[in-house]
Every structure is written in C-alpha cells, then in structure tokens.
Amino acid sequence: MGFDFAGTYTLVDAPNRIVATFGDRQMAVSFVETADGVAVTEEFDAEEENDYDMQRAGWQAILDSFKRHVEGLS
C-alpha cells in the first residue's frame, strides 16, 4: 500500500527535531540520543476520515521503513 504525501517543513532543528505541516495538520519528529541508540518519537494530528489506530499503524510503518533505511537494511 502506498500514498502520496506532500507537506512543508516549518522547523528543522538538526539533529533534534523536525516539524512539518500538511494541509491543516501538523507532525513533529524528535530524535533523542539514549544509551541504546537514538529514540525517534513522532507526534501527528490525526485526520477525521480514517480510524486513529489505522493512522497510528501507518505512521509506525513509515518509522519502521526509516529504521531499515538508516540501518542499511532496505
């Protein structure tokens, strides 16, 4: 499954935080160094047309893909 995504970065605080808007919604990604590596936390404004849990699973799939990419597994 795939989808088109377009947005505007409104804050890039490398290497700590990225904030973007898409339509009237916003998402933020934080990167925090821990003893085990880097913890990535994503916050997003949920839309109203799709179930929250489905949206959460979609964002998690994006993070999982990003993890494989940065680990050189994709």
PDB file of N, CA and C in Angstrom:
ATOM      1  N   MET A   1       0.848  -1.182   0.000  1.00  0.00           N
ATOM      2  CA  MET A   1       0.000   0.000   0.000  1.00  0.00           C
ATOM      3  C   MET A   1       0.889   1.238   0.000  1.00  0.00           C
ATOM      4  N   GLY A   2       0.512   2.250  -0.696  1.00  0.00           N
ATOM      5  CA  GLY A   2       1.262   3.488  -0.733  1.00  0.00           C
ATOM      6  C   GLY A   2       0.324   4.672  -0.826  1.00  0.00           C
ATOM      7  N   PHE A   3       0.881   5.848  -0.711  1.00  0.00           N
ATOM      8  CA  PHE A   3       0.092   7.061  -0.805  1.00  0.00           C
ATOM      9  C   PHE A   3       1.018   8.216  -1.136  1.00  0.00           C
ATOM     10  N   ASP A   4       0.452   9.243  -1.712  1.00  0.00           N
ATOM     11  CA  ASP A   4       1.207  10.461  -1.978  1.00  0.00           C
ATOM     12  C   ASP A   4       1.175  11.324  -0.721  1.00  0.00           C
ATOM     13  N   PHE A   5       2.281  11.970  -0.450  1.00  0.00           N
ATOM     14  CA  PHE A   5       2.375  12.813   0.739  1.00  0.00           C
ATOM     15  C   PHE A   5       3.108  14.084   0.357  1.00  0.00           C
ATOM     16  N   ALA A   6       2.524  15.210   0.686  1.00  0.00           N
ATOM     17  CA  ALA A   6       3.170  16.497   0.426  1.00  0.00           C
ATOM     18  C   ALA A   6       2.977  17.371   1.652  1.00  0.00           C
ATOM     19  N   GLY A   7       4.013  18.096   2.001  1.00  0.00           N
ATOM     20  CA  GLY A   7       3.925  18.974   3.152  1.00  0.00           C
ATOM     21  C   GLY A   7       5.018  20.022   3.090  1.00  0.00           C
ATOM     22  N   THR A   8       5.081  20.830   4.132  1.00  0.00           N
ATOM     23  CA  THR A   8       6.071  21.898   4.234  1.00  0.00           C
ATOM     24  C   THR A   8       6.769  21.790   5.574  1.00  0.00           C
ATOM     25  N   TYR A   9       8.092  21.705   5.542  1.00  0.00           N
ATOM     26  CA  TYR A   9       8.843  21.720   6.789  1.00  0.00           C
ATOM     27  C   TYR A   9       8.759  23.126   7.383  1.00  0.00           C
ATOM     28  N   THR A  10       8.337  23.202   8.642  1.00  0.00           N
ATOM     29  CA  THR A  10       8.225  24.503   9.307  1.00  0.00           C
ATOM     30  C   THR A  10       9.319  24.702  10.342  1.00  0.00           C
ATOM     31  N   LEU A  11       9.997  23.601  10.714  1.00  0.00           N
ATOM     32  CA  LEU A  11      11.115  23.674  11.641  1.00  0.00           C
ATOM     33  C   LEU A  11      12.045  22.496  11.380  1.00  0.00           C
ATOM     34  N   VAL A  12      13.304  22.798  11.194  1.00  0.00           N
ATOM     35  CA  VAL A  12      14.326  21.754  11.113  1.00  0.00           C
ATOM     36  C   VAL A  12      15.408  22.153  12.107  1.00  0.00           C
ATOM     37  N   ASP A  13      15.414  21.474  13.236  1.00  0.00           N
ATOM     38  CA  ASP A  13      16.376  21.718  14.307  1.00  0.00           C
ATOM     39  C   ASP A  13      17.291  20.494  14.376  1.00  0.00           C
ATOM     40  N   ALA A  14      18.163  20.375  13.364  1.00  0.00           N
ATOM     41  CA  ALA A  14      19.027  19.197  13.261  1.00  0.00           C
ATOM     42  C   ALA A  14      20.010  19.179  14.422  1.00  0.00           C
ATOM     43  N   PRO A  15      20.250  18.073  15.005  1.00  0.00           N
ATOM     44  CA  PRO A  15      19.682  16.755  14.736  1.00  0.00           C
ATOM     45  C   PRO A  15      18.562  16.390  15.707  1.00  0.00           C
ATOM     46  N   ASN A  16      17.848  17.373  16.237  1.00  0.00           N
ATOM     47  CA  ASN A  16      16.911  17.135  17.336  1.00  0.00           C
ATOM     48  C   ASN A  16      15.440  16.969  16.952  1.00  0.00           C
ATOM     49  N   ARG A  17      14.962  17.792  16.028  1.00  0.00           N
ATOM     50  CA  ARG A  17      13.511  17.842  15.795  1.00  0.00           C
ATOM     51  C   ARG A  17      13.208  18.336  14.391  1.00  0.00           C
ATOM     52  N   ILE A  18      12.150  17.755  13.815  1.00  0.00           N
ATOM     53  CA  ILE A  18      11.619  18.196  12.523  1.00  0.00           C
ATOM     54  C   ILE A  18      10.117  18.387  12.706  1.00  0.00           C
ATOM     55  N   VAL A  19       9.605  19.502  12.223  1.00  0.00           N
ATOM     56  CA  VAL A  19       8.168  19.766  12.267  1.00  0.00           C
ATOM     57  C   VAL A  19       7.712  20.097  10.855  1.00  0.00           C
ATOM     58  N   ALA A  20       6.573  19.566  10.466  1.00  0.00           N
ATOM     59  CA  ALA A  20       6.040  19.828   9.126  1.00  0.00           C
ATOM     60  C   ALA A  20       4.528  19.992   9.207  1.00  0.00           C
ATOM     61  N   THR A  21       4.002  20.734   8.251  1.00  0.00           N
ATOM     62  CA  THR A  21       2.554  20.846   8.104  1.00  0.00           C
ATOM     63  C   THR A  21       2.165  20.207   6.784  1.00  0.00           C
ATOM     64  N   PHE A  22       0.964  19.665   6.760  1.00  0.00           N
ATOM     65  CA  PHE A  22       0.389  19.123   5.536  1.00  0.00           C
ATOM     66  C   PHE A  22      -1.097  19.402   5.625  1.00  0.00           C
ATOM     67  N   GLY A  23      -1.537  20.314   4.752  1.00  0.00           N
ATOM     68  CA  GLY A  23      -2.912  20.796   4.867  1.00  0.00           C
ATOM     69  C   GLY A  23      -3.048  21.568   6.161  1.00  0.00           C
ATOM     70  N   ASP A  24      -4.075  21.247   6.929  1.00  0.00           N
ATOM     71  CA  ASP A  24      -4.284  21.937   8.202  1.00  0.00           C
ATOM     72  C   ASP A  24      -3.776  21.115   9.386  1.00  0.00           C
ATOM     73  N   ARG A  25      -2.975  20.095   9.089  1.00  0.00           N
ATOM     74  CA  ARG A  25      -2.456  19.227  10.149  1.00  0.00           C
ATOM     75  C   ARG A  25      -0.951  19.387  10.286  1.00  0.00           C
ATOM     76  N   GLN A  26      -0.424  18.897  11.399  1.00  0.00           N
ATOM     77  CA  GLN A  26       0.999  19.023  11.681  1.00  0.00           C
ATOM     78  C   GLN A  26       1.539  17.699  12.200  1.00  0.00           C
ATOM     79  N   MET A  27       2.807  17.465  11.945  1.00  0.00           N
ATOM     80  CA  MET A  27       3.505  16.332  12.543  1.00  0.00           C
ATOM     81  C   MET A  27       4.874  16.812  12.994  1.00  0.00           C
ATOM     82  N   ALA A  28       5.350  16.177  14.071  1.00  0.00           N
ATOM     83  CA  ALA A  28       6.662  16.515  14.609  1.00  0.00           C
ATOM     84  C   ALA A  28       7.409  15.223  14.901  1.00  0.00           C
ATOM     85  N   VAL A  29       8.689  15.220  14.588  1.00  0.00           N
ATOM     86  CA  VAL A  29       9.540  14.056  14.852  1.00  0.00           C
ATOM     87  C   VAL A  29      10.715  14.533  15.694  1.00  0.00           C
ATOM     88  N   SER A  30      10.914  13.845  16.826  1.00  0.00           N
ATOM     89  CA  SER A  30      12.020  14.176  17.722  1.00  0.00           C
ATOM     90  C   SER A  30      13.013  13.029  17.738  1.00  0.00           C
ATOM     91  N   PHE A  31      14.292  13.371  17.801  1.00  0.00           N
ATOM     92  CA  PHE A  31      15.383  12.406  17.848  1.00  0.00           C
ATOM     93  C   PHE A  31      16.146  12.644  19.145  1.00  0.00           C
ATOM     94  N   VAL A  32      16.161  11.634  20.027  1.00  0.00           N
ATOM     95  CA  VAL A  32      16.813  11.775  21.334  1.00  0.00           C
ATOM     96  C   VAL A  32      17.824  10.643  21.498  1.00  0.00           C
ATOM     97  N   GLU A  33      19.078  11.014  21.728  1.00  0.00           N
ATOM     98  CA  GLU A  33      20.109  10.008  21.923  1.00  0.00           C
ATOM     99  C   GLU A  33      19.924   9.342  23.279  1.00  0.00           C
ATOM    100  N   THR A  34      19.967   8.006  23.294  1.00  0.00           N
ATOM    101  CA  THR A  34      19.857   7.221  24.515  1.00  0.00           C
ATOM    102  C   THR A  34      21.064   6.289  24.595  1.00  0.00           C
ATOM    103  N   ALA A  35      21.174   5.557  25.677  1.00  0.00           N
ATOM    104  CA  ALA A  35      22.261   4.593  25.830  1.00  0.00           C
ATOM    105  C   ALA A  35      22.180   3.485  24.789  1.00  0.00           C
ATOM    106  N   ASP A  36      20.970   3.210  24.286  1.00  0.00           N
ATOM    107  CA  ASP A  36      20.762   2.141  23.307  1.00  0.00           C
ATOM    108  C   ASP A  36      20.773   2.609  21.865  1.00  0.00           C
ATOM    109  N   GLY A  37      20.949   3.887  21.637  1.00  0.00           N
ATOM    110  CA  GLY A  37      20.907   4.427  20.276  1.00  0.00           C
ATOM    111  C   GLY A  37      20.095   5.709  20.267  1.00  0.00           C
ATOM    112  N   VAL A  38      19.353   5.927  19.207  1.00  0.00           N
ATOM    113  CA  VAL A  38      18.538   7.129  19.080  1.00  0.00           C
ATOM    114  C   VAL A  38      17.071   6.736  19.134  1.00  0.00           C
ATOM    115  N   ALA A  39      16.339   7.356  20.050  1.00  0.00           N
ATOM    116  CA  ALA A  39      14.891   7.146  20.145  1.00  0.00           C
ATOM    117  C   ALA A  39      14.211   8.162  19.233  1.00  0.00           C
ATOM    118  N   VAL A  40      13.340   7.671  18.365  1.00  0.00           N
ATOM    119  CA  VAL A  40      12.608   8.525  17.435  1.00  0.00           C
ATOM    120  C   VAL A  40      11.148   8.540  17.878  1.00  0.00           C
ATOM    121  N   THR A  41      10.632   9.734  18.147  1.00  0.00           N
ATOM    122  CA  THR A  41       9.243   9.892  18.571  1.00  0.00           C
ATOM    123  C   THR A  41       8.522  10.757  17.554  1.00  0.00           C
ATOM    124  N   GLU A  42       7.364  10.304  17.133  1.00  0.00           N
ATOM    125  CA  GLU A  42       6.579  11.033  16.143  1.00  0.00           C
ATOM    126  C   GLU A  42       5.231  11.401  16.747  1.00  0.00           C
ATOM    127  N   GLU A  43       4.857  12.657  16.577  1.00  0.00           N
ATOM    128  CA  GLU A  43       3.553  13.145  17.003  1.00  0.00           C
ATOM    129  C   GLU A  43       2.840  13.649  15.756  1.00  0.00           C
ATOM    130  N   PHE A  44       1.535  13.398  15.653  1.00  0.00           N
ATOM    131  CA  PHE A  44       0.805  13.854  14.478  1.00  0.00           C
ATOM    132  C   PHE A  44      -0.616  14.222  14.839  1.00  0.00           C
ATOM    133  N   ASP A  45      -1.166  15.154  14.065  1.00  0.00           N
ATOM    134  CA  ASP A  45      -2.585  15.496  14.177  1.00  0.00           C
ATOM    135  C   ASP A  45      -3.351  14.469  13.362  1.00  0.00           C
ATOM    136  N   ALA A  46      -4.210  13.732  14.023  1.00  0.00           N
ATOM    137  CA  ALA A  46      -4.996  12.716  13.326  1.00  0.00           C
ATOM    138  C   ALA A  46      -6.055  13.370  12.443  1.00  0.00           C
ATOM    139  N   GLU A  47      -6.360  12.699  11.348  1.00  0.00           N
ATOM    140  CA  GLU A  47      -7.436  13.170  10.479  1.00  0.00           C
ATOM    141  C   GLU A  47      -8.748  12.583  10.979  1.00  0.00           C
ATOM    142  N   GLU A  48      -9.850  13.053  10.447  1.00  0.00           N
ATOM    143  CA  GLU A  48     -11.158  12.595  10.905  1.00  0.00           C
ATOM    144  C   GLU A  48     -11.741  11.483  10.052  1.00  0.00           C
ATOM    145  N   GLU A  49     -11.255  11.300   8.814  1.00  0.00           N
ATOM    146  CA  GLU A  49     -11.898  10.339   7.918  1.00  0.00           C
ATOM    147  C   GLU A  49     -11.446   8.897   8.128  1.00  0.00           C
ATOM    148  N   ASN A  50     -10.274   8.680   8.728  1.00  0.00           N
ATOM    149  CA  ASN A  50      -9.780   7.324   8.973  1.00  0.00           C
ATOM    150  C   ASN A  50      -9.607   7.095  10.474  1.00  0.00           C
ATOM    151  N   ASP A  51      -9.765   5.834  10.887  1.00  0.00           N
ATOM    152  CA  ASP A  51      -9.649   5.434  12.276  1.00  0.00           C
ATOM    153  C   ASP A  51      -8.271   5.793  12.835  1.00  0.00           C
ATOM    154  N   TYR A  52      -8.223   6.281  14.070  1.00  0.00           N
ATOM    155  CA  TYR A  52      -6.964   6.695  14.699  1.00  0.00           C
ATOM    156  C   TYR A  52      -5.954   5.553  14.719  1.00  0.00           C
ATOM    157  N   ASP A  53      -6.377   4.354  15.116  1.00  0.00           N
ATOM    158  CA  ASP A  53      -5.438   3.229  15.197  1.00  0.00           C
ATOM    159  C   ASP A  53      -4.855   2.889  13.832  1.00  0.00           C
ATOM    160  N   MET A  54      -5.647   3.020  12.783  1.00  0.00           N
ATOM    161  CA  MET A  54      -5.144   2.765  11.436  1.00  0.00           C
ATOM    162  C   MET A  54      -4.094   3.814  11.061  1.00  0.00           C
ATOM    163  N   GLN A  55      -4.358   5.067  11.411  1.00  0.00           N
ATOM    164  CA  GLN A  55      -3.390   6.127  11.137  1.00  0.00           C
ATOM    165  C   GLN A  55      -2.109   5.903  11.932  1.00  0.00           C
ATOM    166  N   ARG A  56      -2.255   5.527  13.176  1.00  0.00           N
ATOM    167  CA  ARG A  56      -1.089   5.265  14.020  1.00  0.00           C
ATOM    168  C   ARG A  56      -0.253   4.136  13.425  1.00  0.00           C
ATOM    169  N   ALA A  57      -0.897   3.091  12.962  1.00  0.00           N
ATOM    170  CA  ALA A  57      -0.187   1.977  12.334  1.00  0.00           C
ATOM    171  C   ALA A  57       0.530   2.437  11.069  1.00  0.00           C
ATOM    172  N   GLY A  58      -0.094   3.323  10.310  1.00  0.00           N
ATOM    173  CA  GLY A  58       0.541   3.855   9.100  1.00  0.00           C
ATOM    174  C   GLY A  58       1.791   4.656   9.415  1.00  0.00           C
ATOM    175  N   TRP A  59       1.707   5.536  10.411  1.00  0.00           N
ATOM    176  CA  TRP A  59       2.876   6.316  10.809  1.00  0.00           C
ATOM    177  C   TRP A  59       3.962   5.401  11.352  1.00  0.00           C
ATOM    178  N   GLN A  60       3.569   4.339  12.091  1.00  0.00           N
ATOM    179  CA  GLN A  60       4.555   3.396  12.605  1.00  0.00           C
ATOM    180  C   GLN A  60       5.252   2.670  11.461  1.00  0.00           C
ATOM    181  N   ALA A  61       4.503   2.326  10.420  1.00  0.00           N
ATOM    182  CA  ALA A  61       5.098   1.662   9.255  1.00  0.00           C
ATOM    183  C   ALA A  61       6.133   2.572   8.596  1.00  0.00           C
ATOM    184  N   ILE A  62       5.857   3.867   8.552  1.00  0.00           N
ATOM    185  CA  ILE A  62       6.817   4.822   7.997  1.00  0.00           C
ATOM    186  C   ILE A  62       8.086   4.840   8.852  1.00  0.00           C
ATOM    187  N   LEU A  63       7.927   4.870  10.177  1.00  0.00           N
ATOM    188  CA  LEU A  63       9.090   4.851  11.064  1.00  0.00           C
ATOM    189  C   LEU A  63       9.877   3.549  10.929  1.00  0.00           C
ATOM    190  N   ASP A  64       9.180   2.427  10.795  1.00  0.00           N
ATOM    191  CA  ASP A  64       9.855   1.144  10.620  1.00  0.00           C
ATOM    192  C   ASP A  64      10.672   1.125   9.329  1.00  0.00           C
ATOM    193  N   SER A  65      10.113   1.694   8.271  1.00  0.00           N
ATOM    194  CA  SER A  65      10.822   1.781   6.993  1.00  0.00           C
ATOM    195  C   SER A  65      12.050   2.686   7.131  1.00  0.00           C
ATOM    196  N   PHE A  66      11.889   3.796   7.835  1.00  0.00           N
ATOM    197  CA  PHE A  66      13.008   4.708   8.079  1.00  0.00           C
ATOM    198  C   PHE A  66      14.114   3.994   8.850  1.00  0.00           C
ATOM    199  N   LYS A  67      13.742   3.212   9.873  1.00  0.00           N
ATOM    200  CA  LYS A  67      14.720   2.450  10.660  1.00  0.00           C
ATOM    201  C   LYS A  67      15.503   1.496   9.764  1.00  0.00           C
ATOM    202  N   ARG A  68      14.803   0.760   8.908  1.00  0.00           N
ATOM    203  CA  ARG A  68      15.509  -0.159   7.999  1.00  0.00           C
ATOM    204  C   ARG A  68      16.449   0.609   7.080  1.00  0.00           C
ATOM    205  N   HIS A  69      16.016   1.763   6.620  1.00  0.00           N
ATOM    206  CA  HIS A  69      16.835   2.585   5.726  1.00  0.00           C
ATOM    207  C   HIS A  69      18.136   3.032   6.409  1.00  0.00           C
ATOM    208  N   VAL A  70      18.027   3.603   7.598  1.00  0.00           N
ATOM    209  CA  VAL A  70      19.225   4.124   8.254  1.00  0.00           C
ATOM    210  C   VAL A  70      20.139   3.013   8.750  1.00  0.00           C
ATOM    211  N   GLU A  71      19.586   1.826   8.946  1.00  0.00           N
ATOM    212  CA  GLU A  71      20.421   0.694   9.338  1.00  0.00           C
ATOM    213  C   GLU A  71      21.011  -0.014   8.123  1.00  0.00           C
ATOM    214  N   GLY A  72      20.662   0.473   6.919  1.00  0.00           N
ATOM    215  CA  GLY A  72      21.197  -0.102   5.701  1.00  0.00           C
ATOM    216  C   GLY A  72      20.577  -1.421   5.317  1.00  0.00           C
ATOM    217  N   LEU A  73      19.352  -1.664   5.780  1.00  0.00           N
ATOM    218  CA  LEU A  73      18.680  -2.931   5.512  1.00  0.00           C
ATOM    219  C   LEU A  73      17.640  -2.835   4.405  1.00  0.00           C
ATOM    220  N   SER A  74      17.411  -1.646   3.874  1.00  0.00           N
ATOM    221  CA  SER A  74      16.371  -1.537   2.842  1.00  0.00           C
ATOM    222  C   SER A  74      16.951  -1.611   1.457  1.00  0.00           C
TER     223      SER A  74
END
